[in-house]
Amino acid sequence: MSTISVVHTTIDSPVGTLTLVGGDDGLTGLWFPEHRRLPDPAGFGPRSAVGTGLSDFVEVESQLASWFAGERRVFDLPLAPVGTEFRQRVWQQLAAIPWGETRTYGQLALGLGDVRLARAVGTANGANPLSIVVPCHRVVGSAGSLTGYAGGLDRKRFLLDHEAPSASGSGRLF
């Protein structure tokens, strides 16, 4: 049995300090300071400026900077989020939501084959460990309303506004 090494770093962003967590297979977490359901930071491993294995923190920071500058719309990073099969399926659907578009929990549930899964989709969305990169901020309530976001509704609004067609990409929330 091999041991997966996990390391972390922090970077500044327009939405505040972000904690990146990575392992041998890729990025496993991107967390806000006040993140709801934040795992115990003791499990983030030692600090590393560069990452480990396939988790290249320099590249992650570069792609996030390009995304916040409005120069990038899709991330091209090795991702290794940990979760149940159902959560993985939901996170795959989140990753498929294009820049500047939103989906409802019901639409995602329908994509999984059963609109009655909307609440379970919401729970899986809230457990997404890769905020921004796996864009859970693009999920809204059935009438298009802003609903919960692990980073807070102010950040969700900022991220959605950033992706709006008229967004300049130059603002800062924090």
Protein backbone atom coordinates (compact mmCIF):
# COMPACT_ATOMS: atom_id res chain seq x y z
CA MET A 1 0.00 0.00 0.00
CA SER A 2 1.49 3.36 -1.01
CA THR A 3 1.28 6.47 1.10
CA ILE A 4 -0.14 9.55 -0.55
CA SER A 5 1.66 12.66 0.57
CA VAL A 6 -0.46 15.75 1.01
CA VAL A 7 0.81 19.31 1.16
CA HIS A 8 -0.73 22.78 1.16
CA THR A 9 -0.03 26.43 0.50
CA THR A 10 -1.97 29.68 0.65
CA ILE A 11 -2.33 32.25 -2.10
CA ASP A 12 -3.96 35.66 -2.32
CA SER A 13 -6.90 36.18 -4.65
CA PRO A 14 -9.62 38.76 -5.31
CA VAL A 15 -11.93 36.72 -3.02
CA GLY A 16 -9.44 36.51 -0.16
CA THR A 17 -6.76 34.05 0.84
CA LEU A 18 -7.20 30.60 -0.67
CA THR A 19 -5.72 27.40 0.74
CA LEU A 20 -4.60 24.92 -1.91
CA VAL A 21 -4.24 21.27 -0.89
CA GLY A 22 -2.66 18.74 -3.19
CA GLY A 23 -1.45 15.18 -3.31
CA ASP A 24 0.35 12.85 -5.63
CA ASP A 25 -2.62 12.61 -8.02
CA GLY A 26 -3.48 16.30 -8.22
CA LEU A 27 -5.29 19.14 -6.47
CA THR A 28 -7.53 17.80 -3.69
CA GLY A 29 -8.80 21.01 -2.12
CA LEU A 30 -9.27 24.74 -2.63
CA TRP A 31 -10.64 26.35 0.52
CA PHE A 32 -11.73 29.80 1.69
CA PRO A 33 -10.74 30.93 5.22
CA GLU A 34 -14.33 30.76 6.52
CA HIS A 35 -15.28 27.78 4.36
CA ARG A 36 -18.34 25.91 5.58
CA ARG A 37 -17.46 22.26 6.12
CA LEU A 38 -13.74 23.10 6.17
CA PRO A 39 -11.81 19.92 6.94
CA ASP A 40 -9.37 19.92 9.82
CA PRO A 41 -6.37 21.90 8.52
CA ALA A 42 -4.09 19.42 10.32
CA GLY A 43 -4.95 17.06 7.46
CA PHE A 44 -3.64 19.51 4.84
CA GLY A 45 -0.07 18.32 5.41
CA PRO A 46 3.04 20.47 5.56
CA ARG A 47 3.34 23.78 3.73
CA SER A 48 4.88 23.62 0.26
CA ALA A 49 5.24 26.45 -2.21
CA VAL A 50 5.34 24.09 -5.19
CA GLY A 51 3.05 21.16 -4.38
CA THR A 52 3.76 17.44 -4.69
CA GLY A 53 3.27 14.82 -7.36
CA LEU A 54 0.77 16.10 -9.92
CA SER A 55 -0.37 19.00 -7.71
CA ASP A 56 1.68 21.88 -9.12
CA PHE A 57 0.75 24.85 -6.93
CA VAL A 58 2.63 27.30 -9.16
CA GLU A 59 0.45 26.23 -12.10
CA VAL A 60 -2.73 26.33 -9.99
CA GLU A 61 -1.92 29.88 -8.88
CA SER A 62 -1.13 30.91 -12.46
CA GLN A 63 -4.41 29.50 -13.81
CA LEU A 64 -6.42 31.09 -11.00
CA ALA A 65 -4.76 34.47 -11.71
CA SER A 66 -5.62 34.12 -15.40
CA TRP A 67 -9.19 33.14 -14.51
CA PHE A 68 -9.64 36.13 -12.20
CA ALA A 69 -8.16 38.39 -14.91
CA GLY A 70 -10.82 37.13 -17.32
CA GLU A 71 -8.19 35.54 -19.59
CA ARG A 72 -9.12 31.92 -18.79
CA ARG A 73 -12.54 30.31 -18.66
CA VAL A 74 -11.64 26.65 -18.15
CA PHE A 75 -9.09 25.12 -15.80
CA ASP A 76 -6.67 22.49 -17.07
CA LEU A 77 -5.35 20.94 -13.88
CA PRO A 78 -5.01 17.40 -12.54
CA LEU A 79 -7.79 17.13 -9.96
CA ALA A 80 -8.12 14.47 -7.27
CA PRO A 81 -11.13 15.33 -5.10
CA VAL A 82 -12.08 12.73 -2.52
CA GLY A 83 -15.75 11.79 -2.31
CA THR A 84 -18.38 9.13 -2.82
CA GLU A 85 -19.29 7.93 -6.30
CA PHE A 86 -22.45 10.06 -6.21
CA ARG A 87 -20.51 13.18 -5.20
CA GLN A 88 -17.96 12.52 -7.95
CA ARG A 89 -20.80 12.34 -10.49
CA VAL A 90 -22.24 15.65 -9.25
CA TRP A 91 -18.81 17.31 -9.32
CA GLN A 92 -18.34 16.13 -12.91
CA GLN A 93 -21.60 17.86 -13.80
CA LEU A 94 -20.45 21.04 -12.04
CA ALA A 95 -17.23 21.02 -14.04
CA ALA A 96 -19.29 20.85 -17.25
CA ILE A 97 -21.25 24.08 -16.53
CA PRO A 98 -19.78 26.67 -18.92
CA TRP A 99 -18.37 30.01 -17.82
CA GLY A 100 -21.09 32.61 -17.44
CA GLU A 101 -23.94 30.08 -17.21
CA THR A 102 -25.83 28.67 -14.26
CA ARG A 103 -27.78 25.51 -13.54
CA THR A 104 -30.34 24.71 -10.89
CA TYR A 105 -30.09 21.79 -8.49
CA GLY A 106 -33.06 20.27 -10.31
CA GLN A 107 -31.33 20.51 -13.69
CA LEU A 108 -28.26 18.77 -12.28
CA ALA A 109 -30.47 16.09 -10.69
CA LEU A 110 -32.23 15.56 -14.02
CA GLY A 111 -28.82 15.17 -15.63
CA LEU A 112 -28.21 12.35 -13.17
CA GLY A 113 -31.47 10.73 -14.25
CA ASP A 114 -33.85 11.68 -11.43
CA VAL A 115 -35.12 15.17 -10.61
CA ARG A 116 -35.94 13.87 -7.10
CA LEU A 117 -32.19 13.88 -6.39
CA ALA A 118 -32.15 17.70 -6.18
CA ARG A 119 -31.56 17.78 -2.40
CA ALA A 120 -28.81 15.17 -2.64
CA VAL A 121 -27.26 17.20 -5.45
CA GLY A 122 -27.34 20.24 -3.16
CA THR A 123 -25.56 18.31 -0.43
CA ALA A 124 -22.90 17.06 -2.87
CA ASN A 125 -22.52 20.58 -4.28
CA GLY A 126 -21.94 21.92 -0.76
CA ALA A 127 -19.29 19.25 -0.17
CA ASN A 128 -17.31 20.20 -3.29
CA PRO A 129 -13.69 20.47 -2.11
CA LEU A 130 -12.51 22.38 -5.20
CA SER A 131 -14.32 25.71 -5.12
CA ILE A 132 -13.88 27.92 -8.19
CA VAL A 133 -11.99 25.21 -10.14
CA VAL A 134 -15.05 22.93 -9.96
CA PRO A 135 -17.56 25.79 -10.23
CA CYS A 136 -20.20 25.09 -7.60
CA HIS A 137 -20.88 28.85 -7.54
CA ARG A 138 -22.71 28.36 -10.87
CA VAL A 139 -25.56 26.46 -9.17
CA VAL A 140 -28.63 28.50 -8.21
CA GLY A 141 -32.07 27.92 -6.75
CA SER A 142 -35.02 26.85 -8.89
CA ALA A 143 -36.09 30.43 -9.59
CA GLY A 144 -32.52 31.58 -10.26
CA SER A 145 -32.03 32.81 -6.71
CA LEU A 146 -28.71 32.71 -4.93
CA THR A 147 -28.63 29.87 -2.46
CA GLY A 148 -25.99 28.70 -0.02
CA TYR A 149 -22.32 28.73 -0.91
CA ALA A 150 -19.51 27.31 1.21
CA GLY A 151 -17.52 30.52 0.74
CA GLY A 152 -20.49 32.75 1.59
CA LEU A 153 -23.09 34.43 -0.61
CA ASP A 154 -20.94 37.57 -1.07
CA ARG A 155 -18.26 35.46 -2.73
CA LYS A 156 -20.84 33.59 -4.81
CA ARG A 157 -22.29 36.88 -6.09
CA PHE A 158 -18.77 38.16 -6.83
CA LEU A 159 -17.85 35.01 -8.78
CA LEU A 160 -21.10 35.06 -10.79
CA ASP A 161 -20.70 38.79 -11.50
CA HIS A 162 -17.10 38.13 -12.56
CA GLU A 163 -18.38 35.69 -15.17
CA ALA A 164 -21.17 37.96 -16.39
CA PRO A 165 -20.75 39.10 -20.02
CA SER A 166 -20.05 42.70 -18.96
CA ALA A 167 -17.55 41.76 -16.23
CA SER A 168 -14.19 43.46 -16.45
CA GLY A 169 -12.43 40.95 -14.19
CA SER A 170 -10.58 43.70 -12.34
CA GLY A 171 -12.55 43.89 -9.09
CA ARG A 172 -11.66 42.57 -5.67
CA LEU A 173 -14.01 41.34 -2.98
CA PHE A 174 -11.41 41.19 -0.20
